[in-house]
Amino acid sequence: MKDFFYAIQDLFVNVLFAPFDALRALELENWWTANFVSWLFIIVGIVAMVYWMLQLQKFNNNNEEDKSITSHSYL
């Protein structure tokens, strides 16, 4: 049973966390390159939020949303 948990430890430490170790080593050389993934996620999140807000505005302008208080039968 002890070997099973050591196998899980080996999987996470040596395989699944290897990209994070590479980013940690890369950060010592160039901060911008190491944080490129973070900047990419931030940009994707901003684009998704803007798209979502535009879609909400489109549905609001078409009056497609049921804004009545008893919109659900259980209310």
PDB file of N, CA and C in Angstrom:
ATOM      1  N   MET A   1       0.825  -1.192   0.000  1.00  0.00           N
ATOM      2  CA  MET A   1       0.000   0.000   0.000  1.00  0.00           C
ATOM      3  C   MET A   1       0.873   1.261   0.000  1.00  0.00           C
ATOM      4  N   LYS A   2       2.005   1.160   0.658  1.00  0.00           N
ATOM      5  CA  LYS A   2       2.911   2.301   0.733  1.00  0.00           C
ATOM      6  C   LYS A   2       3.444   2.658  -0.651  1.00  0.00           C
ATOM      7  N   ASP A   3       3.690   1.641  -1.484  1.00  0.00           N
ATOM      8  CA  ASP A   3       4.187   1.893  -2.838  1.00  0.00           C
ATOM      9  C   ASP A   3       3.156   2.617  -3.702  1.00  0.00           C
ATOM     10  N   PHE A   4       1.886   2.368  -3.434  1.00  0.00           N
ATOM     11  CA  PHE A   4       0.826   3.040  -4.177  1.00  0.00           C
ATOM     12  C   PHE A   4       0.885   4.554  -3.966  1.00  0.00           C
ATOM     13  N   PHE A   5       1.051   4.956  -2.714  1.00  0.00           N
ATOM     14  CA  PHE A   5       1.107   6.390  -2.422  1.00  0.00           C
ATOM     15  C   PHE A   5       2.400   7.016  -2.930  1.00  0.00           C
ATOM     16  N   TYR A   6       3.488   6.267  -2.902  1.00  0.00           N
ATOM     17  CA  TYR A   6       4.731   6.758  -3.491  1.00  0.00           C
ATOM     18  C   TYR A   6       4.614   6.901  -5.004  1.00  0.00           C
ATOM     19  N   ALA A   7       3.814   6.031  -5.634  1.00  0.00           N
ATOM     20  CA  ALA A   7       3.579   6.143  -7.078  1.00  0.00           C
ATOM     21  C   ALA A   7       2.780   7.405  -7.389  1.00  0.00           C
ATOM     22  N   ILE A   8       1.792   7.706  -6.566  1.00  0.00           N
ATOM     23  CA  ILE A   8       1.014   8.936  -6.752  1.00  0.00           C
ATOM     24  C   ILE A   8       1.924  10.153  -6.567  1.00  0.00           C
ATOM     25  N   GLN A   9       2.773  10.106  -5.556  1.00  0.00           N
ATOM     26  CA  GLN A   9       3.713  11.208  -5.330  1.00  0.00           C
ATOM     27  C   GLN A   9       4.646  11.382  -6.518  1.00  0.00           C
ATOM     28  N   ASP A  10       5.162  10.291  -7.025  1.00  0.00           N
ATOM     29  CA  ASP A  10       6.066  10.352  -8.167  1.00  0.00           C
ATOM     30  C   ASP A  10       5.361  10.905  -9.403  1.00  0.00           C
ATOM     31  N   LEU A  11       4.123  10.505  -9.609  1.00  0.00           N
ATOM     32  CA  LEU A  11       3.357  11.004 -10.756  1.00  0.00           C
ATOM     33  C   LEU A  11       3.212  12.513 -10.689  1.00  0.00           C
ATOM     34  N   PHE A  12       2.807  13.019  -9.540  1.00  0.00           N
ATOM     35  CA  PHE A  12       2.575  14.457  -9.430  1.00  0.00           C
ATOM     36  C   PHE A  12       3.875  15.247  -9.448  1.00  0.00           C
ATOM     37  N   VAL A  13       4.857  14.818  -8.692  1.00  0.00           N
ATOM     38  CA  VAL A  13       6.088  15.600  -8.547  1.00  0.00           C
ATOM     39  C   VAL A  13       6.915  15.579  -9.831  1.00  0.00           C
ATOM     40  N   ASN A  14       7.049  14.427 -10.447  1.00  0.00           N
ATOM     41  CA  ASN A  14       7.961  14.296 -11.582  1.00  0.00           C
ATOM     42  C   ASN A  14       7.296  14.433 -12.939  1.00  0.00           C
ATOM     43  N   VAL A  15       5.970  14.297 -13.023  1.00  0.00           N
ATOM     44  CA  VAL A  15       5.307  14.335 -14.335  1.00  0.00           C
ATOM     45  C   VAL A  15       4.369  15.529 -14.444  1.00  0.00           C
ATOM     46  N   LEU A  16       3.385  15.599 -13.564  1.00  0.00           N
ATOM     47  CA  LEU A  16       2.339  16.614 -13.717  1.00  0.00           C
ATOM     48  C   LEU A  16       2.796  18.023 -13.345  1.00  0.00           C
ATOM     49  N   PHE A  17       3.765  18.140 -12.435  1.00  0.00           N
ATOM     50  CA  PHE A  17       4.257  19.458 -12.051  1.00  0.00           C
ATOM     51  C   PHE A  17       5.480  19.882 -12.842  1.00  0.00           C
ATOM     52  N   ALA A  18       5.895  19.091 -13.809  1.00  0.00           N
ATOM     53  CA  ALA A  18       7.075  19.425 -14.610  1.00  0.00           C
ATOM     54  C   ALA A  18       6.913  20.751 -15.361  1.00  0.00           C
ATOM     55  N   PRO A  19       5.745  21.049 -15.945  1.00  0.00           N
ATOM     56  CA  PRO A  19       5.609  22.367 -16.606  1.00  0.00           C
ATOM     57  C   PRO A  19       5.770  23.537 -15.633  1.00  0.00           C
ATOM     58  N   PHE A  20       5.297  23.366 -14.405  1.00  0.00           N
ATOM     59  CA  PHE A  20       5.446  24.437 -13.424  1.00  0.00           C
ATOM     60  C   PHE A  20       6.899  24.622 -13.021  1.00  0.00           C
ATOM     61  N   ASP A  21       7.624  23.519 -12.925  1.00  0.00           N
ATOM     62  CA  ASP A  21       9.054  23.620 -12.636  1.00  0.00           C
ATOM     63  C   ASP A  21       9.793  24.324 -13.773  1.00  0.00           C
ATOM     64  N   ALA A  22       9.385  24.040 -15.002  1.00  0.00           N
ATOM     65  CA  ALA A  22      10.002  24.709 -16.149  1.00  0.00           C
ATOM     66  C   ALA A  22       9.696  26.206 -16.134  1.00  0.00           C
ATOM     67  N   LEU A  23       8.477  26.582 -15.785  1.00  0.00           N
ATOM     68  CA  LEU A  23       8.134  28.006 -15.685  1.00  0.00           C
ATOM     69  C   LEU A  23       8.918  28.684 -14.565  1.00  0.00           C
ATOM     70  N   ARG A  24       9.112  27.973 -13.462  1.00  0.00           N
ATOM     71  CA  ARG A  24       9.880  28.539 -12.349  1.00  0.00           C
ATOM     72  C   ARG A  24      11.326  28.803 -12.767  1.00  0.00           C
ATOM     73  N   ALA A  25      11.892  27.880 -13.516  1.00  0.00           N
ATOM     74  CA  ALA A  25      13.261  28.075 -13.991  1.00  0.00           C
ATOM     75  C   ALA A  25      13.333  29.175 -15.048  1.00  0.00           C
ATOM     76  N   LEU A  26      12.300  29.258 -15.882  1.00  0.00           N
ATOM     77  CA  LEU A  26      12.274  30.271 -16.933  1.00  0.00           C
ATOM     78  C   LEU A  26      12.118  31.674 -16.356  1.00  0.00           C
ATOM     79  N   GLU A  27      11.431  31.779 -15.214  1.00  0.00           N
ATOM     80  CA  GLU A  27      11.209  33.095 -14.621  1.00  0.00           C
ATOM     81  C   GLU A  27      12.524  33.754 -14.205  1.00  0.00           C
ATOM     82  N   LEU A  28      13.504  32.959 -13.872  1.00  0.00           N
ATOM     83  CA  LEU A  28      14.793  33.532 -13.493  1.00  0.00           C
ATOM     84  C   LEU A  28      15.512  34.145 -14.687  1.00  0.00           C
ATOM     85  N   GLU A  29      15.173  33.684 -15.890  1.00  0.00           N
ATOM     86  CA  GLU A  29      15.805  34.208 -17.101  1.00  0.00           C
ATOM     87  C   GLU A  29      15.047  35.384 -17.690  1.00  0.00           C
ATOM     88  N   ASN A  30      13.716  35.240 -17.824  1.00  0.00           N
ATOM     89  CA  ASN A  30      12.930  36.297 -18.448  1.00  0.00           C
ATOM     90  C   ASN A  30      11.530  36.302 -17.845  1.00  0.00           C
ATOM     91  N   TRP A  31      11.196  37.381 -17.147  1.00  0.00           N
ATOM     92  CA  TRP A  31       9.902  37.477 -16.475  1.00  0.00           C
ATOM     93  C   TRP A  31       8.758  37.501 -17.472  1.00  0.00           C
ATOM     94  N   TRP A  32       8.899  38.228 -18.571  1.00  0.00           N
ATOM     95  CA  TRP A  32       7.822  38.375 -19.546  1.00  0.00           C
ATOM     96  C   TRP A  32       7.464  37.048 -20.202  1.00  0.00           C
ATOM     97  N   THR A  33       8.467  36.268 -20.551  1.00  0.00           N
ATOM     98  CA  THR A  33       8.203  34.978 -21.166  1.00  0.00           C
ATOM     99  C   THR A  33       7.537  34.026 -20.180  1.00  0.00           C
ATOM    100  N   ALA A  34       7.965  34.047 -18.940  1.00  0.00           N
ATOM    101  CA  ALA A  34       7.397  33.155 -17.939  1.00  0.00           C
ATOM    102  C   ALA A  34       5.938  33.501 -17.648  1.00  0.00           C
ATOM    103  N   ASN A  35       5.587  34.752 -17.753  1.00  0.00           N
ATOM    104  CA  ASN A  35       4.215  35.160 -17.440  1.00  0.00           C
ATOM    105  C   ASN A  35       3.348  35.325 -18.681  1.00  0.00           C
ATOM    106  N   PHE A  36       3.813  34.855 -19.817  1.00  0.00           N
ATOM    107  CA  PHE A  36       3.035  34.945 -21.048  1.00  0.00           C
ATOM    108  C   PHE A  36       1.706  34.209 -20.918  1.00  0.00           C
ATOM    109  N   VAL A  37       1.723  33.046 -20.276  1.00  0.00           N
ATOM    110  CA  VAL A  37       0.489  32.262 -20.114  1.00  0.00           C
ATOM    111  C   VAL A  37      -0.513  33.033 -19.268  1.00  0.00           C
ATOM    112  N   SER A  38      -0.060  33.679 -18.220  1.00  0.00           N
ATOM    113  CA  SER A  38      -0.965  34.468 -17.382  1.00  0.00           C
ATOM    114  C   SER A  38      -1.579  35.616 -18.174  1.00  0.00           C
ATOM    115  N   TRP A  39      -0.742  36.297 -18.945  1.00  0.00           N
ATOM    116  CA  TRP A  39      -1.265  37.387 -19.772  1.00  0.00           C
ATOM    117  C   TRP A  39      -2.263  36.861 -20.804  1.00  0.00           C
ATOM    118  N   LEU A  40      -1.986  35.707 -21.357  1.00  0.00           N
ATOM    119  CA  LEU A  40      -2.892  35.106 -22.342  1.00  0.00           C
ATOM    120  C   LEU A  40      -4.252  34.795 -21.714  1.00  0.00           C
ATOM    121  N   PHE A  41      -4.253  34.223 -20.507  1.00  0.00           N
ATOM    122  CA  PHE A  41      -5.511  33.929 -19.822  1.00  0.00           C
ATOM    123  C   PHE A  41      -6.275  35.203 -19.482  1.00  0.00           C
ATOM    124  N   ILE A  42      -5.562  36.249 -19.107  1.00  0.00           N
ATOM    125  CA  ILE A  42      -6.219  37.516 -18.800  1.00  0.00           C
ATOM    126  C   ILE A  42      -6.881  38.089 -20.043  1.00  0.00           C
ATOM    127  N   ILE A  43      -6.188  38.042 -21.170  1.00  0.00           N
ATOM    128  CA  ILE A  43      -6.749  38.565 -22.424  1.00  0.00           C
ATOM    129  C   ILE A  43      -7.962  37.752 -22.856  1.00  0.00           C
ATOM    130  N   VAL A  44      -7.877  36.424 -22.769  1.00  0.00           N
ATOM    131  CA  VAL A  44      -9.013  35.568 -23.130  1.00  0.00           C
ATOM    132  C   VAL A  44     -10.203  35.856 -22.215  1.00  0.00           C
ATOM    133  N   GLY A  45      -9.953  36.046 -20.926  1.00  0.00           N
ATOM    134  CA  GLY A  45     -11.027  36.364 -19.989  1.00  0.00           C
ATOM    135  C   GLY A  45     -11.690  37.694 -20.292  1.00  0.00           C
ATOM    136  N   ILE A  46     -10.903  38.694 -20.652  1.00  0.00           N
ATOM    137  CA  ILE A  46     -11.469  40.004 -20.986  1.00  0.00           C
ATOM    138  C   ILE A  46     -12.303  39.923 -22.258  1.00  0.00           C
ATOM    139  N   VAL A  47     -11.806  39.208 -23.268  1.00  0.00           N
ATOM    140  CA  VAL A  47     -12.559  39.054 -24.518  1.00  0.00           C
ATOM    141  C   VAL A  47     -13.864  38.309 -24.257  1.00  0.00           C
ATOM    142  N   ALA A  48     -13.826  37.261 -23.431  1.00  0.00           N
ATOM    143  CA  ALA A  48     -15.031  36.509 -23.117  1.00  0.00           C
ATOM    144  C   ALA A  48     -16.039  37.370 -22.363  1.00  0.00           C
ATOM    145  N   MET A  49     -15.557  38.203 -21.433  1.00  0.00           N
ATOM    146  CA  MET A  49     -16.467  39.065 -20.685  1.00  0.00           C
ATOM    147  C   MET A  49     -17.121  40.100 -21.589  1.00  0.00           C
ATOM    148  N   VAL A  50     -16.339  40.693 -22.496  1.00  0.00           N
ATOM    149  CA  VAL A  50     -16.904  41.677 -23.427  1.00  0.00           C
ATOM    150  C   VAL A  50     -17.939  41.017 -24.326  1.00  0.00           C
ATOM    151  N   TYR A  51     -17.639  39.808 -24.833  1.00  0.00           N
ATOM    152  CA  TYR A  51     -18.608  39.088 -25.669  1.00  0.00           C
ATOM    153  C   TYR A  51     -19.885  38.793 -24.882  1.00  0.00           C
ATOM    154  N   TRP A  52     -19.739  38.365 -23.635  1.00  0.00           N
ATOM    155  CA  TRP A  52     -20.886  38.050 -22.798  1.00  0.00           C
ATOM    156  C   TRP A  52     -21.742  39.295 -22.560  1.00  0.00           C
ATOM    157  N   MET A  53     -21.097  40.413 -22.267  1.00  0.00           N
ATOM    158  CA  MET A  53     -21.850  41.649 -22.032  1.00  0.00           C
ATOM    159  C   MET A  53     -22.581  42.109 -23.295  1.00  0.00           C
ATOM    160  N   LEU A  54     -21.935  41.947 -24.458  1.00  0.00           N
ATOM    161  CA  LEU A  54     -22.608  42.323 -25.710  1.00  0.00           C
ATOM    162  C   LEU A  54     -23.809  41.424 -25.986  1.00  0.00           C
ATOM    163  N   GLN A  55     -23.691  40.151 -25.695  1.00  0.00           N
ATOM    164  CA  GLN A  55     -24.822  39.242 -25.879  1.00  0.00           C
ATOM    165  C   GLN A  55     -25.951  39.582 -24.905  1.00  0.00           C
ATOM    166  N   LEU A  56     -25.621  39.904 -23.666  1.00  0.00           N
ATOM    167  CA  LEU A  56     -26.652  40.305 -22.707  1.00  0.00           C
ATOM    168  C   LEU A  56     -27.348  41.587 -23.150  1.00  0.00           C
ATOM    169  N   GLN A  57     -26.576  42.521 -23.676  1.00  0.00           N
ATOM    170  CA  GLN A  57     -27.162  43.767 -24.164  1.00  0.00           C
ATOM    171  C   GLN A  57     -28.076  43.515 -25.351  1.00  0.00           C
ATOM    172  N   LYS A  58     -27.692  42.599 -26.237  1.00  0.00           N
ATOM    173  CA  LYS A  58     -28.511  42.270 -27.401  1.00  0.00           C
ATOM    174  C   LYS A  58     -29.852  41.671 -26.968  1.00  0.00           C
ATOM    175  N   PHE A  59     -29.823  40.732 -26.014  1.00  0.00           N
ATOM    176  CA  PHE A  59     -31.069  40.131 -25.539  1.00  0.00           C
ATOM    177  C   PHE A  59     -31.896  41.135 -24.755  1.00  0.00           C
ATOM    178  N   ASN A  60     -31.250  42.044 -24.047  1.00  0.00           N
ATOM    179  CA  ASN A  60     -31.985  43.068 -23.306  1.00  0.00           C
ATOM    180  C   ASN A  60     -32.671  44.035 -24.262  1.00  0.00           C
ATOM    181  N   ASN A  61     -32.014  44.389 -25.356  1.00  0.00           N
ATOM    182  CA  ASN A  61     -32.610  45.311 -26.326  1.00  0.00           C
ATOM    183  C   ASN A  61     -33.775  44.678 -27.070  1.00  0.00           C
ATOM    184  N   ASN A  62     -33.758  43.348 -27.249  1.00  0.00           N
ATOM    185  CA  ASN A  62     -34.852  42.659 -27.943  1.00  0.00           C
ATOM    186  C   ASN A  62     -36.004  42.313 -27.012  1.00  0.00           C
ATOM    187  N   ASN A  63     -35.891  42.623 -25.733  1.00  0.00           N
ATOM    188  CA  ASN A  63     -36.912  42.305 -24.725  1.00  0.00           C
ATOM    189  C   ASN A  63     -37.283  40.823 -24.744  1.00  0.00           C
ATOM    190  N   GLU A  64     -36.293  39.956 -24.861  1.00  0.00           N
ATOM    191  CA  GLU A  64     -36.543  38.520 -24.894  1.00  0.00           C
ATOM    192  C   GLU A  64     -36.560  37.892 -23.508  1.00  0.00           C
ATOM    193  N   GLU A  65     -36.102  38.608 -22.509  1.00  0.00           N
ATOM    194  CA  GLU A  65     -36.047  38.046 -21.168  1.00  0.00           C
ATOM    195  C   GLU A  65     -37.362  38.240 -20.452  1.00  0.00           C
ATOM    196  N   ASP A  66     -37.822  37.184 -19.773  1.00  0.00           N
ATOM    197  CA  ASP A  66     -39.046  37.273 -18.980  1.00  0.00           C
ATOM    198  C   ASP A  66     -38.685  37.883 -17.635  1.00  0.00           C
ATOM    199  N   LYS A  67     -39.069  39.135 -17.428  1.00  0.00           N
ATOM    200  CA  LYS A  67     -38.706  39.841 -16.212  1.00  0.00           C
ATOM    201  C   LYS A  67     -39.836  39.871 -15.198  1.00  0.00           C
ATOM    202  N   SER A  68     -40.859  39.066 -15.397  1.00  0.00           N
ATOM    203  CA  SER A  68     -41.959  39.039 -14.434  1.00  0.00           C
ATOM    204  C   SER A  68     -41.495  38.390 -13.137  1.00  0.00           C
ATOM    205  N   ILE A  69     -42.164  38.735 -12.055  1.00  0.00           N
ATOM    206  CA  ILE A  69     -41.759  38.239 -10.748  1.00  0.00           C
ATOM    207  C   ILE A  69     -42.004  36.744 -10.637  1.00  0.00           C
ATOM    208  N   THR A  70     -43.056  36.246 -11.252  1.00  0.00           N
ATOM    209  CA  THR A  70     -43.387  34.808 -11.178  1.00  0.00           C
ATOM    210  C   THR A  70     -42.946  34.111 -12.444  1.00  0.00           C
ATOM    211  N   SER A  71     -41.703  34.262 -12.794  1.00  0.00           N
ATOM    212  CA  SER A  71     -41.210  33.632 -14.019  1.00  0.00           C
ATOM    213  C   SER A  71     -41.073  32.128 -13.868  1.00  0.00           C
ATOM    214  N   HIS A  72     -40.954  31.647 -12.622  1.00  0.00           N
ATOM    215  CA  HIS A  72     -40.867  30.215 -12.393  1.00  0.00           C
ATOM    216  C   HIS A  72     -42.140  29.745 -11.718  1.00  0.00           C
ATOM    217  N   SER A  73     -42.553  28.535 -12.048  1.00  0.00           N
ATOM    218  CA  SER A  73     -43.814  28.036 -11.524  1.00  0.00           C
ATOM    219  C   SER A  73     -43.773  27.831 -10.000  1.00  0.00           C
ATOM    220  N   TYR A  74     -42.605  27.536  -9.455  1.00  0.00           N
ATOM    221  CA  TYR A  74     -42.534  27.277  -8.014  1.00  0.00           C
ATOM    222  C   TYR A  74     -42.539  28.553  -7.194  1.00  0.00           C
ATOM    223  N   LEU A  75     -42.440  29.723  -7.858  1.00  0.00           N
ATOM    224  CA  LEU A  75     -42.528  30.980  -7.127  1.00  0.00           C
ATOM    225  C   LEU A  75     -43.973  31.391  -7.023  1.00  0.00           C
TER     226      LEU A  75
END
